[in-house]
Protein backbone atom coordinates (compact mmCIF):
# COMPACT_ATOMS: atom_id res chain seq x y z
CA MET A 1 -0.05 -0.02 0.00
CA THR A 2 1.30 3.43 -0.94
CA LEU A 3 1.02 6.16 1.74
CA SER A 4 -0.17 9.57 0.73
CA TRP A 5 2.32 12.32 1.03
CA MET A 6 0.37 13.75 4.04
CA ARG A 7 0.46 10.45 5.89
CA ARG A 8 4.15 10.06 5.10
CA HIS A 9 4.80 13.53 6.48
CA TYR A 10 2.78 12.67 9.63
CA VAL A 11 4.73 9.45 10.27
CA ALA A 12 8.03 11.31 9.86
CA ARG A 13 7.03 14.00 12.38
CA VAL A 14 5.95 11.33 14.92
CA SER A 15 9.30 9.46 14.46
CA ILE A 16 11.29 12.61 15.05
CA PHE A 17 9.27 13.33 18.19
CA LEU A 18 9.81 9.85 19.57
CA ILE A 19 13.54 10.11 18.91
CA MET A 20 13.70 13.41 20.82
CA ILE A 21 11.72 11.94 23.66
CA ALA A 22 14.15 8.96 23.85
CA SER A 23 17.18 11.25 23.80
CA ILE A 24 15.75 13.42 26.57
CA MET A 25 14.94 10.28 28.67
CA GLY A 26 18.44 8.93 28.03
CA MET A 27 20.10 12.14 29.30
CA VAL A 28 17.89 12.22 32.33
CA ALA A 29 18.64 8.59 33.01
CA CYS A 30 22.39 9.21 32.77
CA GLY A 31 22.14 11.91 35.31
CA GLY A 32 20.53 9.53 37.75
CA ILE A 33 23.16 6.74 37.38
CA GLU A 34 25.38 6.23 40.45
CA TYR A 35 28.64 4.45 40.66
CA ASP A 36 30.80 3.18 43.67
CA LEU A 37 34.36 4.28 44.32
CA THR A 38 36.36 2.00 46.70
CA ILE A 39 39.47 3.69 48.12
CA ALA A 40 42.26 1.95 50.01
CA SER A 41 45.99 2.43 50.84
CA THR A 42 49.05 0.33 51.49
CA ALA A 43 51.13 0.60 54.68
CA GLY A 44 52.90 3.87 55.08
CA GLY A 45 50.10 6.42 54.74
CA MET A 46 46.39 6.94 54.07
CA VAL A 47 43.99 8.71 51.68
CA THR A 48 42.80 11.73 53.61
CA THR A 49 40.49 13.12 51.05
CA PRO A 50 37.74 11.91 50.66
CA GLY A 51 38.86 9.17 53.04
CA GLU A 52 39.03 5.42 52.74
CA GLY A 53 36.17 2.98 52.14
CA THR A 54 33.33 2.88 49.50
CA PHE A 55 31.71 6.08 48.30
CA THR A 56 28.85 6.59 45.89
CA TYR A 57 28.89 9.34 43.22
CA SER A 58 26.74 10.36 40.30
CA TRP A 59 27.93 9.63 36.71
CA GLY A 60 30.49 12.20 35.58
CA THR A 61 31.42 13.42 39.10
CA GLU A 62 35.07 14.52 39.56
CA VAL A 63 36.38 13.29 42.87
CA VAL A 64 39.57 14.78 44.33
CA LEU A 65 41.92 12.27 45.87
CA VAL A 66 44.61 13.27 48.38
CA ALA A 67 47.18 10.73 49.68
CA THR A 68 49.12 11.65 52.77
CA PRO A 69 52.33 9.65 53.71
CA ALA A 70 53.19 8.91 57.31
CA ASP A 71 56.50 9.92 58.81
CA GLY A 72 59.30 8.03 57.13
CA TYR A 73 57.27 7.21 54.06
CA ARG A 74 56.60 8.78 50.69
CA PHE A 75 53.79 8.52 48.16
CA VAL A 76 54.62 6.27 45.15
CA GLU A 77 51.55 5.95 42.87
CA TRP A 78 47.82 5.19 42.49
CA THR A 79 46.80 1.76 41.23
CA GLY A 80 43.44 0.09 40.70
CA ASP A 81 40.90 -1.29 38.19
CA LEU A 82 40.37 1.97 36.40
CA ASP A 83 41.12 3.53 33.01
CA THR A 84 44.26 5.52 33.69
CA THR A 85 43.93 7.35 30.27
CA VAL A 86 40.40 8.59 30.98
CA ALA A 87 39.17 8.24 34.52
CA ILE A 88 42.13 9.39 36.68
CA GLY A 89 44.50 12.32 36.27
CA ASN A 90 48.15 11.88 37.23
CA ILE A 91 48.66 8.46 38.86
CA ASN A 92 52.12 9.65 40.16
CA ALA A 93 50.76 12.73 42.05
CA ALA A 94 49.67 12.46 45.64
CA THR A 95 46.83 14.87 44.85
CA THR A 96 44.84 13.94 41.73
CA ALA A 97 41.26 13.51 40.56
CA ILE A 98 39.08 10.67 39.25
CA THR A 99 36.01 11.06 37.06
CA MET A 100 33.16 8.59 37.66
CA PHE A 101 32.38 6.75 34.49
CA GLY A 102 31.83 3.44 36.30
CA ASP A 103 32.46 1.43 39.44
CA TYR A 104 36.12 1.88 40.37
CA SER A 105 38.61 0.82 43.09
CA VAL A 106 41.77 2.75 43.70
CA THR A 107 44.72 2.23 46.02
CA ALA A 108 47.34 4.74 47.20
CA ASN A 109 50.72 3.11 47.29
CA PHE A 110 53.41 4.30 49.73
CA GLY A 111 57.07 3.44 50.06
CA LYS A 112 59.66 4.04 52.66
CA TYR A 113 61.49 7.38 52.60
CA TYR A 114 65.25 6.93 52.49
CA THR A 115 67.67 9.54 53.71
CA ALA A 116 70.13 10.48 50.92
CA MET A 117 73.81 9.91 51.75
CA VAL A 118 77.14 9.47 50.10
CA ALA A 119 80.26 7.53 50.93
CA ALA A 120 83.74 7.82 49.43
CA GLY A 121 86.05 4.84 49.01
CA GLY A 122 89.61 4.57 47.75
CA TYR A 123 88.72 5.31 44.11
CA HIS A 124 84.91 5.32 43.99
CA THR A 125 81.85 7.18 45.32
CA VAL A 126 78.53 5.71 46.37
CA GLY A 127 75.18 7.43 47.01
CA ILE A 128 71.73 6.46 48.31
CA LYS A 129 68.74 7.92 46.43
CA ALA A 130 65.48 8.90 48.07
CA ASP A 131 63.78 5.76 46.80
CA GLY A 132 66.38 3.45 48.51
CA THR A 133 68.32 2.60 45.37
CA VAL A 134 72.00 3.13 45.05
CA VAL A 135 74.28 4.74 42.50
CA ALA A 136 78.10 4.50 42.28
CA VAL A 137 80.79 5.98 40.04
CA GLY A 138 84.52 5.70 39.79
CA ARG A 139 86.99 2.87 39.50
CA ASN A 140 85.18 -0.37 38.99
CA SER A 141 88.10 -2.79 38.60
CA TYR A 142 86.78 -4.94 41.49
CA ARG A 143 83.05 -4.30 40.56
CA GLN A 144 82.73 -2.14 43.60
CA CYS A 145 80.32 0.08 41.65
CA ASN A 146 77.94 -2.73 40.64
CA VAL A 147 75.14 -1.54 42.96
CA GLY A 148 72.55 -0.81 40.23
CA GLY A 149 70.28 -3.64 41.44
CA TRP A 150 70.35 -2.66 45.15
CA THR A 151 66.97 -1.56 46.61
CA ASP A 152 65.69 -0.65 50.07
CA ILE A 153 69.06 0.52 51.27
CA THR A 154 69.34 2.80 54.34
CA GLN A 155 73.08 3.21 54.67
CA VAL A 156 76.26 2.69 52.60
CA ALA A 157 79.96 2.56 53.35
CA ALA A 158 82.90 2.40 50.93
CA GLY A 159 86.22 0.74 51.58
CA GLY A 160 89.48 0.59 49.60
CA GLY A 161 87.88 -1.58 46.84
CA HIS A 162 84.47 -2.60 48.15
CA THR A 163 81.03 -1.21 48.88
CA VAL A 164 78.65 -2.24 51.62
CA GLY A 165 75.03 -1.41 52.23
CA ILE A 166 72.32 -1.98 54.88
CA LYS A 167 68.79 -2.84 53.92
CA SER A 168 65.80 -1.55 55.96
CA ASP A 169 65.27 -5.00 57.38
CA GLY A 170 68.79 -5.04 58.90
CA ARG A 171 70.40 -7.31 56.36
CA ALA A 172 73.59 -6.30 54.57
CA ALA A 173 74.90 -6.44 50.99
CA ALA A 174 78.40 -6.03 49.56
CA VAL A 175 80.22 -5.96 46.24
CA GLY A 176 83.72 -5.50 45.15
CA TYR A 177 87.14 -6.75 46.13
CA ASN A 178 86.68 -9.88 48.25
CA ASP A 179 90.04 -11.58 48.42
CA TYR A 180 89.98 -11.28 52.20
CA GLY A 181 86.25 -12.01 52.52
CA GLN A 182 85.43 -8.43 53.29
CA CYS A 183 82.19 -8.78 51.26
CA ASP A 184 80.92 -11.91 53.02
CA VAL A 185 78.04 -10.17 54.76
CA SER A 186 75.10 -12.00 53.27
CA GLY A 187 74.35 -13.76 56.55
CA TRP A 188 74.32 -10.58 58.63
CA THR A 189 70.99 -9.56 60.23
CA GLY A 190 69.89 -6.79 62.65
CA ILE A 191 72.55 -4.35 61.35
CA THR A 192 72.14 -0.67 62.14
CA GLN A 193 75.52 0.69 61.05
CA VAL A 194 78.26 -0.38 58.73
CA THR A 195 81.80 0.88 58.30
CA ALA A 196 84.46 -0.20 55.79
CA GLY A 197 88.20 -0.25 56.42
CA GLY A 198 90.97 -0.91 54.03
CA LEU A 199 90.33 -4.63 53.73
CA HIS A 200 87.72 -5.34 56.35
CA THR A 201 84.03 -4.56 57.00
CA VAL A 202 82.36 -4.01 60.45
CA GLY A 203 78.71 -4.00 61.27
CA LEU A 204 76.93 -2.75 64.35
CA LYS A 205 73.83 -4.84 65.39
CA SER A 206 70.68 -3.50 66.94
CA ASP A 207 71.48 -5.41 70.23
CA GLY A 208 74.80 -3.59 70.55
CA THR A 209 77.07 -6.42 69.50
CA VAL A 210 79.40 -6.19 66.52
CA VAL A 211 80.34 -8.41 63.58
CA ALA A 212 83.33 -8.09 61.22
CA VAL A 213 84.66 -9.85 58.16
CA GLY A 214 87.74 -9.50 55.94
CA ASP A 215 91.43 -9.21 56.66
CA ASN A 216 92.21 -10.05 60.19
CA SER A 217 95.98 -10.20 60.02
CA ASP A 218 96.17 -7.58 62.78
CA GLY A 219 93.18 -8.74 64.70
CA GLN A 220 91.02 -5.93 63.45
CA CYS A 221 88.01 -8.24 63.16
CA ASN A 222 88.19 -9.60 66.74
CA VAL A 223 85.04 -7.86 67.85
CA GLY A 224 82.96 -10.90 68.67
CA ASN A 225 82.90 -10.27 72.39
CA TRP A 226 81.93 -6.54 72.15
CA THR A 227 78.64 -5.58 73.75
CA GLY A 228 76.77 -2.39 74.47
CA ILE A 229 78.28 -0.68 71.41
CA THR A 230 76.58 2.50 69.98
CA GLN A 231 78.98 3.40 67.07
CA VAL A 232 81.83 1.80 65.21
CA ALA A 233 84.60 3.12 62.95
CA ALA A 234 87.08 1.23 60.77
CA GLY A 235 90.63 2.45 60.09
CA GLY A 236 93.31 1.08 57.85
CA SER A 237 93.84 -2.03 59.88
CA HIS A 238 91.99 -1.31 63.13
CA THR A 239 88.46 -1.07 64.46
CA VAL A 240 87.06 1.23 67.15
CA GLY A 241 83.76 1.23 68.95
CA VAL A 242 81.90 3.54 71.39
CA LYS A 243 80.18 1.85 74.29
CA SER A 244 76.86 2.90 75.80
CA ASP A 245 78.61 3.99 78.96
CA GLY A 246 80.93 6.33 77.06
CA ARG A 247 83.94 4.13 77.12
CA ALA A 248 85.86 3.10 73.94
CA ALA A 249 87.19 -0.18 72.67
CA ALA A 250 89.68 -0.86 69.84
CA VAL A 251 91.26 -3.88 68.21
CA GLY A 252 93.75 -4.42 65.36
CA ASP A 253 97.03 -2.86 64.33
CA ASN A 254 98.49 -0.95 67.25
CA SER A 255 101.94 -0.19 65.88
CA TYR A 256 101.38 3.52 66.35
CA GLY A 257 99.27 3.22 69.53
CA GLN A 258 96.04 3.86 67.57
CA CYS A 259 94.18 1.30 69.71
CA ASP A 260 95.22 2.75 73.06
CA VAL A 261 91.71 3.93 74.03
CA SER A 262 91.01 1.81 77.10
CA GLY A 263 91.24 4.85 79.39
CA TRP A 264 88.79 6.97 77.41
CA THR A 265 85.53 7.92 79.07
CA GLY A 266 82.56 10.06 78.16
CA ILE A 267 82.99 9.40 74.46
CA THR A 268 80.09 10.18 72.07
CA GLN A 269 81.73 9.70 68.72
CA VAL A 270 84.87 8.14 67.23
CA ALA A 271 86.66 8.46 63.94
CA ALA A 272 89.46 6.25 62.60
CA GLY A 273 92.16 7.32 60.30
CA MET A 274 94.70 5.05 58.60
CA THR A 275 96.89 4.87 61.63
CA HIS A 276 95.31 7.20 64.18
CA THR A 277 92.05 7.31 66.23
CA VAL A 278 90.08 10.35 67.35
CA GLY A 279 87.33 10.58 69.99
CA LEU A 280 84.80 13.33 70.76
CA GLY A 281 83.81 13.52 74.44
CA ASP A 282 80.49 14.53 76.03
CA ASN A 283 82.28 17.72 77.17
CA ASP A 284 82.73 18.65 73.50
CA LYS A 285 86.53 18.09 73.84
CA VAL A 286 88.57 15.83 71.60
CA ILE A 287 91.33 13.25 72.27
CA ALA A 288 93.44 11.36 69.82
CA VAL A 289 95.97 8.52 69.79
CA GLY A 290 98.16 6.98 67.16
CA ASP A 291 100.52 8.16 64.43
CA ASN A 292 101.30 11.82 65.10
CA SER A 293 104.14 12.27 62.64
CA ASP A 294 102.32 15.19 61.05
CA GLY A 295 100.59 16.52 64.20
CA GLN A 296 97.25 14.90 63.26
CA CYS A 297 96.66 13.95 66.92
CA ASN A 298 97.36 17.50 68.32
CA VAL A 299 93.70 18.04 69.38
CA GLY A 300 94.12 18.44 73.06
CA GLY A 301 93.26 22.11 73.11
CA TRP A 302 90.10 21.76 71.03
CA THR A 303 86.79 22.72 72.75
CA GLY A 304 83.21 23.21 71.66
CA ILE A 305 83.49 20.51 69.03
CA ALA A 306 80.28 19.20 67.47
CA GLN A 307 81.74 16.75 64.98
CA ILE A 308 85.08 15.11 64.08
CA ALA A 309 86.55 13.67 61.01
CA THR A 310 89.78 12.06 59.96
CA GLY A 311 91.45 12.51 56.59
CA GLY A 312 93.29 9.29 55.86
CA TRP A 313 96.97 9.38 56.97
CA TYR A 314 97.73 12.97 57.80
CA HIS A 315 95.11 15.18 59.21
CA THR A 316 92.19 15.55 61.59
CA ALA A 317 89.31 18.08 61.35
CA GLY A 318 86.78 19.35 63.85
CA LEU A 319 83.63 21.40 63.38
CA LYS A 320 82.86 23.66 66.27
CA SER A 321 79.38 24.56 67.51
CA ASP A 322 80.00 28.17 66.64
CA GLY A 323 80.56 27.36 63.00
CA THR A 324 84.35 27.71 63.05
CA VAL A 325 86.67 24.92 61.93
CA VAL A 326 89.86 23.54 63.38
CA VAL A 327 92.33 21.27 61.53
CA VAL A 328 95.58 19.62 62.49
CA GLY A 329 97.96 17.50 60.60
CA GLN A 330 100.24 17.82 57.58
CA TYR A 331 101.36 21.37 57.57
CA TYR A 332 103.86 21.55 54.77
CA TRP A 333 101.95 24.26 53.03
CA GLU A 334 100.19 25.68 56.07
CA GLN A 335 96.89 24.52 54.64
CA CYS A 336 95.72 23.69 58.19
CA ASP A 337 96.39 27.23 59.52
CA VAL A 338 92.79 28.12 60.20
CA SER A 339 92.97 28.70 64.01
CA GLY A 340 92.38 32.39 63.62
CA TRP A 341 89.38 32.13 61.38
CA ARG A 342 86.10 33.52 62.73
CA GLY A 343 82.64 34.03 61.26
CA ILE A 344 83.16 31.39 58.60
CA THR A 345 80.03 30.16 56.75
CA LYS A 346 81.55 27.99 54.04
CA VAL A 347 84.89 26.38 53.34
CA ALA A 348 86.54 24.94 50.20
CA ALA A 349 89.68 22.83 50.08
CA GLY A 350 92.13 22.69 47.19
CA ASP A 351 94.90 20.20 47.06
CA LEU A 352 97.32 22.35 49.01
CA HIS A 353 95.29 25.37 50.09
CA THR A 354 92.09 26.10 52.14
CA VAL A 355 89.60 28.85 51.40
CA GLY A 356 87.00 30.29 53.79
CA LEU A 357 83.97 32.51 53.11
CA LYS A 358 83.15 34.82 55.97
CA SER A 359 79.68 35.96 57.01
CA ASP A 360 80.51 39.51 55.84
CA GLY A 361 81.13 38.29 52.23
CA THR A 362 84.91 38.54 52.41
CA VAL A 363 87.28 35.61 51.84
CA VAL A 364 90.30 34.19 53.66
CA ALA A 365 92.77 31.63 52.28
CA VAL A 366 95.87 29.76 53.58
CA GLY A 367 98.30 27.29 52.20
CA ASP A 368 100.34 26.92 49.04
CA ASN A 369 100.23 30.17 47.08
CA SER A 370 102.46 29.20 44.20
CA TYR A 371 100.00 30.48 41.56
CA GLY A 372 98.58 33.29 43.67
CA LYS A 373 95.57 31.15 44.34
CA CYS A 374 95.29 32.46 47.91
CA ASN A 375 95.18 36.09 46.79
CA ALA A 376 91.53 36.53 47.56
CA GLY A 377 91.93 38.98 50.42
CA GLY A 378 90.45 41.88 48.41
CA TRP A 379 87.28 40.02 47.43
CA THR A 380 83.91 41.40 48.82
CA ASP A 381 80.24 40.55 48.51
CA ILE A 382 81.05 36.84 47.86
CA THR A 383 78.31 34.25 48.29
CA GLN A 384 80.17 31.05 47.29
CA VAL A 385 83.76 29.81 46.84
CA ALA A 386 85.33 26.87 45.11
CA ALA A 387 89.00 25.70 45.10
CA SER A 388 91.04 23.39 43.01
CA TYR A 389 94.73 22.51 42.68
CA GLY A 390 95.88 25.78 41.21
CA HIS A 391 93.00 28.28 41.34
CA THR A 392 90.25 29.71 43.49
CA VAL A 393 86.82 30.98 42.27
CA GLY A 394 84.15 33.13 43.91
CA VAL A 395 80.54 34.06 43.09
CA ARG A 396 79.37 37.61 44.00
CA SER A 397 75.80 38.36 45.10
CA ASP A 398 75.15 40.10 41.78
CA GLY A 399 75.93 36.82 39.82
CA THR A 400 79.39 37.88 38.58
CA VAL A 401 82.44 35.75 39.24
CA VAL A 402 86.06 36.36 40.23
CA ALA A 403 89.02 33.98 40.05
CA VAL A 404 92.67 33.92 40.96
CA GLY A 405 95.55 31.43 40.48
CA ASP A 406 96.76 29.37 37.61
CA ASN A 407 95.33 30.54 34.32
CA SER A 408 97.46 28.52 31.90
CA TYR A 409 94.42 27.04 30.27
CA GLY A 410 92.11 30.07 30.72
CA GLN A 411 90.35 28.53 33.72
CA CYS A 412 90.27 31.96 35.38
CA ASN A 413 88.71 33.77 32.40
CA VAL A 414 85.41 34.29 34.14
CA SER A 415 85.22 38.15 34.26
CA GLY A 416 82.46 38.21 31.65
CA TRP A 417 80.16 35.74 33.35
CA THR A 418 76.83 37.00 34.67
CA GLY A 419 73.81 35.44 36.24
CA ILE A 420 75.82 32.78 37.99
CA THR A 421 74.25 30.95 40.97
CA GLN A 422 76.83 28.20 41.57
CA ILE A 423 80.42 27.43 40.60
CA ALA A 424 82.66 24.39 40.57
CA ALA A 425 86.39 24.12 40.08
CA GLY A 426 88.02 21.22 38.29
CA ASP A 427 91.81 20.58 38.03
CA LEU A 428 92.28 22.87 35.08
CA HIS A 429 88.74 24.11 34.27
CA THR A 430 85.95 26.16 35.87
CA VAL A 431 82.20 25.58 35.59
CA GLY A 432 79.34 27.97 36.26
CA LEU A 433 75.58 27.41 36.66
CA LYS A 434 73.45 30.24 35.42
CA SER A 435 70.08 31.34 36.94
CA ASP A 436 68.28 30.16 33.70
CA GLY A 437 69.56 26.61 34.18
CA THR A 438 72.21 26.77 31.51
CA VAL A 439 75.92 26.15 32.15
CA VAL A 440 79.16 27.81 31.12
CA ALA A 441 82.76 26.52 31.37
CA VAL A 442 86.27 27.65 30.60
CA GLY A 443 89.72 26.13 30.80
CA ASP A 444 91.21 22.86 29.61
CA ASN A 445 88.89 21.03 27.24
CA SER A 446 91.14 18.26 26.05
CA TYR A 447 88.62 15.75 27.28
CA GLY A 448 85.50 17.67 26.40
CA GLN A 449 84.94 18.66 29.99
CA CYS A 450 83.91 22.14 28.93
CA ASN A 451 81.35 21.01 26.38
CA VAL A 452 78.29 22.11 28.36
CA GLY A 453 76.95 24.68 26.03
CA ASP A 454 73.82 22.75 25.17
CA TRP A 455 72.91 21.74 28.78
CA THR A 456 69.56 23.07 29.98
CA ASP A 457 67.37 22.80 33.02
CA ILE A 458 70.39 22.18 35.32
CA ALA A 459 69.98 22.56 39.05
CA GLY A 460 73.57 21.81 40.23
CA VAL A 461 77.07 21.32 38.86
CA SER A 462 80.22 19.59 40.01
CA ALA A 463 83.66 19.33 38.51
CA GLY A 464 86.23 16.56 38.73
CA TRP A 465 89.89 16.66 37.48
CA HIS A 466 88.91 16.10 33.84
CA HIS A 467 85.06 15.81 33.76
CA THR A 468 81.99 17.80 34.62
CA VAL A 469 78.64 16.68 35.99
CA GLY A 470 75.28 18.40 35.95
CA LEU A 471 72.12 17.54 37.99
CA LYS A 472 68.92 18.33 36.05
CA SER A 473 65.82 19.59 37.87
CA GLU A 474 63.90 16.36 37.34
CA GLY A 475 66.69 14.33 39.01
CA THR A 476 68.57 12.92 35.99
CA VAL A 477 72.32 13.56 35.52
CA VAL A 478 74.38 14.70 32.53
CA ALA A 479 78.14 14.52 32.27
CA GLY A 480 81.03 15.38 29.87
CA GLY A 481 84.79 14.75 29.84
CA ASP A 482 87.18 12.01 30.58
CA ASN A 483 85.35 8.67 30.88
């Protein structure tokens, strides 16, 4: 049957009407649909907004999520059975949002926060990152830098040719030179501190006992009967410990008397050099025993000391509570002659000279002055200093730079630099970080250590003898030079 044109027109109008009604009803129905959002968290924190549990929201609602870590923890990421490309915003941000297009469950994941630290060995450097992983650079002839797979590390120590780490569960890991068994720590548990000597490794346990492995030719590992220990230090061939009652114990090579600590009392901290031992007392005074051929044990007159450190064979340093520094030891170039310094805010040490920045922006320097590298007495308005073997560099508050010393490779040609926020001094080159995140460099470029012109978004710079390193703002690292 053929419909008249009027009837066909009527049917079309009715069809359009019904379609419109269906569309309106569909939109109304969508507005009435509700979905469940289930929120949870792992150990180490909680979801504070909107909370945890199951919540009901209308279709299309944007829900803000806020994850708050507990002390000692950090937020890692959001996971769950949701479409990460549509439903949720940034899964790596502690504060994000989720749009309700269905029933979802989401979990805030937290991880332990690890305190960053570094340790320096004979020819390598080790660092702990905030996520508990470890990085290492330097000589790797004994595989002492093979720490790329380490995780959950809370402390590291570096010896002559080996690296040791403590995991958060108190177990230990070690890589590197192991001819004397100094890396045989896989069975250790309950460890709270590690220290690495020349060829031995020492661990302090949570119960105050001590374990040690490695070269024991001088008895430096004979710590099995120690109890009540609060800190340990390992020297070249000796081991020192602080007891909870403030007394000290030592075993190992005593050819220079470096283990003669039995009479020490009130000790809060110890440090061990190659052949000498230093102790900090609860009266902020310092005592030392052992090799004193370069005066490295002449600390009897020190007072008000907050921290002590030993520098290998030849010197001892102390940081005073008032911010001044005292140093004793090898004095051939008078690089330790800092006793008269006051108001020091920063120090820099070259090979044979020492530079200090004072609170009034002036600079003092002592030591070998063969290239005039200590001639910084006229500098003013300085905010940072750096020192290398033959030259000294300073940044002024206006971002300009000054330099004195050896300029045989142009490493002191910094007079035209502006907008500088940080400097670093290599052996024969100088590096500057600008306020816009770019980097400039002058001096010896025989290894490409000055090829930093295309670096951007840099937050920090450092210079070695023949290489330059830059830290980018997102945490990655760039480097150029001798490899």
